[in-house]
C-alpha atoms as a PDB file:
ATOM      1  CA  MET A   1     -10.237  -6.435  15.423  1.00  0.00           C
ATOM      2  CA  VAL A   2      -8.887  -4.166  12.696  1.00  0.00           C
ATOM      3  CA  TYR A   3      -5.220  -3.313  12.995  1.00  0.00           C
ATOM      4  CA  HIS A   4      -4.535   0.415  12.888  1.00  0.00           C
ATOM      5  CA  SER A   5      -1.306   2.158  12.055  1.00  0.00           C
ATOM      6  CA  SER A   6       0.979   3.026  14.931  1.00  0.00           C
ATOM      7  CA  PHE A   7       1.810   6.268  13.137  1.00  0.00           C
ATOM      8  CA  VAL A   8      -0.445   8.976  14.471  1.00  0.00           C
ATOM      9  CA  ASP A   9      -0.564  12.523  13.251  1.00  0.00           C
ATOM     10  CA  GLU A  10       2.747  13.914  14.384  1.00  0.00           C
ATOM     11  CA  GLU A  11       4.060  17.417  14.180  1.00  0.00           C
ATOM     12  CA  GLY A  12       6.505  17.973  11.381  1.00  0.00           C
ATOM     13  CA  ILE A  13       5.078  15.345   9.001  1.00  0.00           C
ATOM     14  CA  THR A  14       4.383  16.840   5.583  1.00  0.00           C
ATOM     15  CA  LYS A  15       1.013  16.029   4.053  1.00  0.00           C
ATOM     16  CA  ALA A  16      -0.262  16.063   0.499  1.00  0.00           C
ATOM     17  CA  CYS A  17      -4.029  15.813  -0.006  1.00  0.00           C
ATOM     18  CA  GLY A  18      -4.334  14.832   3.650  1.00  0.00           C
ATOM     19  CA  CYS A  19      -1.973  11.883   3.153  1.00  0.00           C
ATOM     20  CA  PRO A  20       1.004  11.904   5.512  1.00  0.00           C
ATOM     21  CA  LEU A  21       4.351  11.559   3.746  1.00  0.00           C
ATOM     22  CA  LEU A  22       5.693   9.127   6.325  1.00  0.00           C
ATOM     23  CA  PRO A  23       9.362   8.134   6.467  1.00  0.00           C
ATOM     24  CA  LEU A  24      10.356   4.969   4.603  1.00  0.00           C
ATOM     25  CA  LYS A  25      13.225   2.528   4.906  1.00  0.00           C
ATOM     26  CA  SER A  26      13.919   2.892   1.225  1.00  0.00           C
ATOM     27  CA  HIS A  27      16.707   3.255  -1.254  1.00  0.00           C
ATOM     28  CA  ILE A  28      14.163   4.344  -3.895  1.00  0.00           C
ATOM     29  CA  LYS A  29      14.369   8.000  -4.753  1.00  0.00           C
ATOM     30  CA  GLY A  30      11.292  10.048  -3.926  1.00  0.00           C
ATOM     31  CA  PRO A  31       9.757  12.628  -1.596  1.00  0.00           C
ATOM     32  CA  ALA A  32       9.528  10.325   1.460  1.00  0.00           C
ATOM     33  CA  PRO A  33      11.888  11.178   4.303  1.00  0.00           C
ATOM     34  CA  ALA A  34      14.407   8.465   5.181  1.00  0.00           C
ATOM     35  CA  SER A  35      13.737   6.226   8.155  1.00  0.00           C
ATOM     36  CA  GLY A  36      16.211   4.215  10.162  1.00  0.00           C
ATOM     37  CA  GLN A  37      16.619   0.625   8.963  1.00  0.00           C
ATOM     38  CA  ASP A  38      15.905  -0.653  12.475  1.00  0.00           C
ATOM     39  CA  ARG A  39      12.517   1.121  12.715  1.00  0.00           C
ATOM     40  CA  THR A  40       9.133  -0.136  11.530  1.00  0.00           C
ATOM     41  CA  ASP A  41       7.630   1.943   8.737  1.00  0.00           C
ATOM     42  CA  ILE A  42       4.164   2.064   7.153  1.00  0.00           C
ATOM     43  CA  VAL A  43       5.123  -0.537   4.516  1.00  0.00           C
ATOM     44  CA  ASP A  44       6.130  -2.998   7.254  1.00  0.00           C
ATOM     45  CA  GLU A  45       2.777  -2.400   8.947  1.00  0.00           C
ATOM     46  CA  ALA A  46       0.795  -2.841   5.720  1.00  0.00           C
ATOM     47  CA  ILE A  47       2.453  -6.173   4.918  1.00  0.00           C
ATOM     48  CA  THR A  48       2.259  -7.396   8.519  1.00  0.00           C
ATOM     49  CA  PHE A  49      -1.406  -6.439   8.991  1.00  0.00           C
ATOM     50  CA  PHE A  50      -2.494  -7.411   5.473  1.00  0.00           C
ATOM     51  CA  ARG A  51      -3.731 -10.922   6.201  1.00  0.00           C
ATOM     52  CA  ALA A  52      -5.819  -9.770   9.164  1.00  0.00           C
ATOM     53  CA  ASN A  53      -7.153  -6.506   7.718  1.00  0.00           C
ATOM     54  CA  VAL A  54      -8.454  -7.972   4.441  1.00  0.00           C
ATOM     55  CA  PHE A  55     -11.193  -9.795   6.307  1.00  0.00           C
ATOM     56  CA  PHE A  56     -12.774  -6.639   7.732  1.00  0.00           C
ATOM     57  CA  ARG A  57     -15.456  -4.826   5.780  1.00  0.00           C
ATOM     58  CA  ASN A  58     -15.468  -1.773   8.067  1.00  0.00           C
ATOM     59  CA  PHE A  59     -12.398   0.201   8.999  1.00  0.00           C
ATOM     60  CA  ASP A  60     -12.683   3.023  11.510  1.00  0.00           C
ATOM     61  CA  ILE A  61     -10.097   5.603  10.525  1.00  0.00           C
ATOM     62  CA  LYS A  62      -8.311   6.873  13.622  1.00  0.00           C
ATOM     63  CA  SER A  63      -5.521   8.843  11.930  1.00  0.00           C
ATOM     64  CA  SER A  64      -4.433   9.944   8.487  1.00  0.00           C
ATOM     65  CA  ALA A  65      -1.849   7.120   8.560  1.00  0.00           C
ATOM     66  CA  ASP A  66      -4.784   4.676   8.622  1.00  0.00           C
ATOM     67  CA  LYS A  67      -5.859   6.081   5.256  1.00  0.00           C
ATOM     68  CA  LEU A  68      -2.420   5.279   3.877  1.00  0.00           C
ATOM     69  CA  LEU A  69      -2.643   1.802   5.423  1.00  0.00           C
ATOM     70  CA  ILE A  70      -5.971   1.245   3.609  1.00  0.00           C
ATOM     71  CA  TYR A  71      -4.424   2.392   0.332  1.00  0.00           C
ATOM     72  CA  LEU A  72      -1.441   0.058   0.785  1.00  0.00           C
ATOM     73  CA  THR A  73      -3.691  -2.882   1.692  1.00  0.00           C
ATOM     74  CA  PHE A  74      -5.546  -2.352  -1.560  1.00  0.00           C
ATOM     75  CA  TYR A  75      -2.276  -2.019  -3.482  1.00  0.00           C
ATOM     76  CA  ILE A  76      -0.938  -5.260  -1.972  1.00  0.00           C
ATOM     77  CA  ASN A  77      -4.042  -6.977  -3.296  1.00  0.00           C
ATOM     78  CA  VAL A  78      -3.433  -5.598  -6.777  1.00  0.00           C
ATOM     79  CA  ALA A  79       0.189  -6.768  -6.587  1.00  0.00           C
ATOM     80  CA  LEU A  80      -0.818 -10.249  -5.371  1.00  0.00           C
ATOM     81  CA  LYS A  81      -3.251 -10.562  -8.248  1.00  0.00           C
ATOM     82  CA  ARG A  82      -0.413  -9.740 -10.651  1.00  0.00           C
ATOM     83  CA  LEU A  83       1.825 -12.305  -8.954  1.00  0.00           C
ATOM     84  CA  GLU A  84      -0.848 -14.992  -9.023  1.00  0.00           C
ATOM     85  CA  GLY A  85       0.436 -16.892 -12.065  1.00  0.00           C
ATOM     86  CA  CYS A  86       4.130 -16.242 -11.484  1.00  0.00           C
ATOM     87  CA  ARG A  87       6.020 -19.396 -10.511  1.00  0.00           C
ATOM     88  CA  THR A  88       9.503 -17.884 -10.136  1.00  0.00           C
ATOM     89  CA  LEU A  89      11.030 -14.755  -8.681  1.00  0.00           C
ATOM     90  CA  ALA A  90      12.033 -13.632 -12.191  1.00  0.00           C
ATOM     91  CA  GLU A  91       8.434 -13.860 -13.411  1.00  0.00           C
ATOM     92  CA  GLY A  92       7.189 -12.105 -10.280  1.00  0.00           C
ATOM     93  CA  THR A  93       9.741  -9.327 -10.651  1.00  0.00           C
ATOM     94  CA  LYS A  94       8.690  -8.749 -14.262  1.00  0.00           C
ATOM     95  CA  ALA A  95       5.005  -8.590 -13.255  1.00  0.00           C
ATOM     96  CA  ILE A  96       5.757  -6.133 -10.443  1.00  0.00           C
ATOM     97  CA  ILE A  97       7.913  -3.948 -12.690  1.00  0.00           C
ATOM     98  CA  ASN A  98       5.053  -3.756 -15.194  1.00  0.00           C
ATOM     99  CA  LEU A  99       2.712  -2.765 -12.359  1.00  0.00           C
ATOM    100  CA  GLY A 100       5.186  -0.072 -11.325  1.00  0.00           C
ATOM    101  CA  LEU A 101       5.193   1.388 -14.839  1.00  0.00           C
ATOM    102  CA  GLU A 102       1.478   2.102 -14.692  1.00  0.00           C
ATOM    103  CA  LYS A 103       0.296   5.649 -14.055  1.00  0.00           C
ATOM    104  CA  VAL A 104      -0.402   6.352 -10.383  1.00  0.00           C
ATOM    105  CA  PRO A 105      -3.733   8.161 -10.060  1.00  0.00           C
ATOM    106  CA  VAL A 106      -4.340  10.689  -7.295  1.00  0.00           C
ATOM    107  CA  PRO A 107      -7.655  11.768  -5.721  1.00  0.00           C
ATOM    108  CA  GLY A 108      -9.946  13.324  -8.292  1.00  0.00           C
ATOM    109  CA  GLU A 109      -8.518  11.310 -11.209  1.00  0.00           C
ATOM    110  CA  SER A 110     -10.185   8.279 -12.725  1.00  0.00           C
ATOM    111  CA  GLY A 111      -8.660   5.094 -11.443  1.00  0.00           C
ATOM    112  CA  PHE A 112      -8.064   6.297  -7.886  1.00  0.00           C
ATOM    113  CA  PRO A 113      -9.415   3.354  -5.862  1.00  0.00           C
ATOM    114  CA  PHE A 114     -11.017   5.228  -2.961  1.00  0.00           C
ATOM    115  CA  PRO A 115     -12.718   8.486  -3.961  1.00  0.00           C
ATOM    116  CA  GLY A 116     -13.265  10.558  -0.842  1.00  0.00           C
ATOM    117  CA  LEU A 117     -10.526   8.853   1.170  1.00  0.00           C
ATOM    118  CA  PHE A 118      -8.206  11.813   0.626  1.00  0.00           C
ATOM    119  CA  PRO A 119      -9.247  15.385  -0.189  1.00  0.00           C
ATOM    120  CA  LEU A 120      -8.695  16.644  -3.721  1.00  0.00           C
ATOM    121  CA  PRO A 121      -5.370  18.365  -4.394  1.00  0.00           C
ATOM    122  CA  GLN A 122      -5.407  22.132  -4.059  1.00  0.00           C
ATOM    123  CA  SER A 123      -2.730  22.608  -6.720  1.00  0.00           C
ATOM    124  CA  GLN A 124      -0.866  20.732  -9.417  1.00  0.00           C
ATOM    125  CA  GLN A 125       2.242  20.739  -7.190  1.00  0.00           C
ATOM    126  CA  GLU A 126       0.345  19.015  -4.380  1.00  0.00           C
ATOM    127  CA  ALA A 127      -1.023  16.437  -6.832  1.00  0.00           C
ATOM    128  CA  GLU A 128       2.478  15.703  -8.156  1.00  0.00           C
ATOM    129  CA  LEU A 129       3.923  15.473  -4.642  1.00  0.00           C
ATOM    130  CA  LEU A 130       1.290  12.888  -3.695  1.00  0.00           C
ATOM    131  CA  ARG A 131       1.711  11.032  -7.005  1.00  0.00           C
ATOM    132  CA  ASN A 132       5.487  10.814  -6.492  1.00  0.00           C
ATOM    133  CA  TYR A 133       5.066   9.661  -2.887  1.00  0.00           C
ATOM    134  CA  LEU A 134       2.512   7.000  -3.851  1.00  0.00           C
ATOM    135  CA  LYS A 135       4.788   5.833  -6.661  1.00  0.00           C
ATOM    136  CA  GLN A 136       7.726   5.573  -4.254  1.00  0.00           C
ATOM    137  CA  ILE A 137       5.717   3.753  -1.586  1.00  0.00           C
ATOM    138  CA  ARG A 138       4.229   1.372  -4.177  1.00  0.00           C
ATOM    139  CA  GLU A 139       7.697   0.519  -5.493  1.00  0.00           C
ATOM    140  CA  GLU A 140       8.988  -0.057  -1.965  1.00  0.00           C
ATOM    141  CA  THR A 141       5.965  -2.196  -1.079  1.00  0.00           C
ATOM    142  CA  SER A 142       6.409  -4.244  -4.259  1.00  0.00           C
ATOM    143  CA  GLY A 143      10.060  -4.957  -3.496  1.00  0.00           C
ATOM    144  CA  ARG A 144       9.327  -6.054   0.049  1.00  0.00           C
ATOM    145  CA  LEU A 145       6.363  -8.109  -1.079  1.00  0.00           C
ATOM    146  CA  LEU A 146       8.600 -10.001  -3.523  1.00  0.00           C
ATOM    147  CA  SER A 147      11.017 -10.796  -0.713  1.00  0.00           C
ATOM    148  CA  VAL A 148       8.111 -12.187   1.344  1.00  0.00           C
ATOM    149  CA  ALA A 149       6.402 -14.042  -1.508  1.00  0.00           C
ATOM    150  CA  TYR A 150       9.512 -15.817  -2.847  1.00  0.00           C
ATOM    151  CA  ARG A 151      12.364 -17.718  -1.251  1.00  0.00           C
ATOM    152  CA  PRO A 152      15.949 -16.664  -2.000  1.00  0.00           C
ATOM    153  CA  ASN A 153      16.204 -19.526  -4.531  1.00  0.00           C
ATOM    154  CA  GLY A 154      13.352 -17.916  -6.543  1.00  0.00           C
ATOM    155  CA  THR A 155      10.563 -20.376  -5.748  1.00  0.00           C
ATOM    156  CA  PRO A 156       7.287 -19.326  -4.115  1.00  0.00           C
ATOM    157  CA  ASN A 157       7.140 -19.822  -0.362  1.00  0.00           C
ATOM    158  CA  LYS A 158       4.189 -21.317   1.519  1.00  0.00           C
ATOM    159  CA  TRP A 159       2.582 -17.915   2.078  1.00  0.00           C
ATOM    160  CA  ALA A 160       2.801 -17.070  -1.611  1.00  0.00           C
ATOM    161  CA  GLN A 161       1.014 -20.277  -2.561  1.00  0.00           C
ATOM    162  CA  ARG A 162      -1.997 -18.994  -0.629  1.00  0.00           C
ATOM    163  CA  ARG A 163      -2.176 -15.765  -2.683  1.00  0.00           C
ATOM    164  CA  LYS A 164      -5.214 -16.891  -4.585  1.00  0.00           C
ATOM    165  CA  PHE A 165      -7.091 -17.621  -1.371  1.00  0.00           C
ATOM    166  CA  LEU A 166      -6.194 -14.204   0.041  1.00  0.00           C
ATOM    167  CA  TRP A 167      -7.270 -12.455  -3.140  1.00  0.00           C
ATOM    168  CA  LEU A 168     -10.613 -14.272  -3.204  1.00  0.00           C
ATOM    169  CA  ALA A 169     -11.158 -13.474   0.461  1.00  0.00           C
ATOM    170  CA  PHE A 170     -10.537  -9.791  -0.232  1.00  0.00           C
ATOM    171  CA  GLN A 171     -12.918  -9.802  -3.205  1.00  0.00           C
ATOM    172  CA  LYS A 172     -15.576 -11.356  -0.980  1.00  0.00           C
ATOM    173  CA  CYS A 173     -15.126  -8.520   1.489  1.00  0.00           C
ATOM    174  CA  GLY A 174     -15.570  -6.019  -1.347  1.00  0.00           C
ATOM    175  CA  ALA A 175     -12.450  -3.909  -1.647  1.00  0.00           C
ATOM    176  CA  LYS A 176     -14.191  -0.945  -3.224  1.00  0.00           C
ATOM    177  CA  SER A 177     -17.202  -1.174  -0.933  1.00  0.00           C
ATOM    178  CA  PHE A 178     -15.316  -0.680   2.313  1.00  0.00           C
ATOM    179  CA  ARG A 179     -17.250   1.549   4.659  1.00  0.00           C
ATOM    180  CA  LEU A 180     -14.819   4.013   6.090  1.00  0.00           C
ATOM    181  CA  LYS A 181     -15.643   5.880   9.253  1.00  0.00           C
ATOM    182  CA  ALA A 182     -13.449   8.714  10.417  1.00  0.00           C
ATOM    183  CA  THR A 183     -13.161   8.907  14.192  1.00  0.00           C
ATOM    184  CA  PHE A 184     -10.533  11.560  14.664  1.00  0.00           C
END
């Protein structure tokens, strides 16, 4: 069973290219609204559901938040691949910072991992809003992923040692060949 986001299309949530700009528990500056520290956000869901969702080839999209969950699942895989050879928190942090410095593509640009997942931007402002949101959510995801992948003393934890297995499992499923079916 695929795990879907608990965030459904709610009134008052701003969207850019059909992507909901959901609240984040984040200290990183960006366009995302602030969420209470005691509430679950989309990054929590993506990390929690990651291990289960990577094994599914089909993902029935039930809300626009599911699209964001798919994007974050893919991003977590990219981040895990970067962390694969890192044996300490310092090495992992450096790898994640370098990933964060890369340009964040938006729908319609080369390098966007899921063409057709989100509609093309209607204006340059909408494209920049989405780019800034994706950059913020990627940075937040990276920080939380580091705290899951490494112990406080800087050594990889048991889950992190299985990164390679998770990455290979995701490749087997075919990250870019997901069949997405909208059911909303």
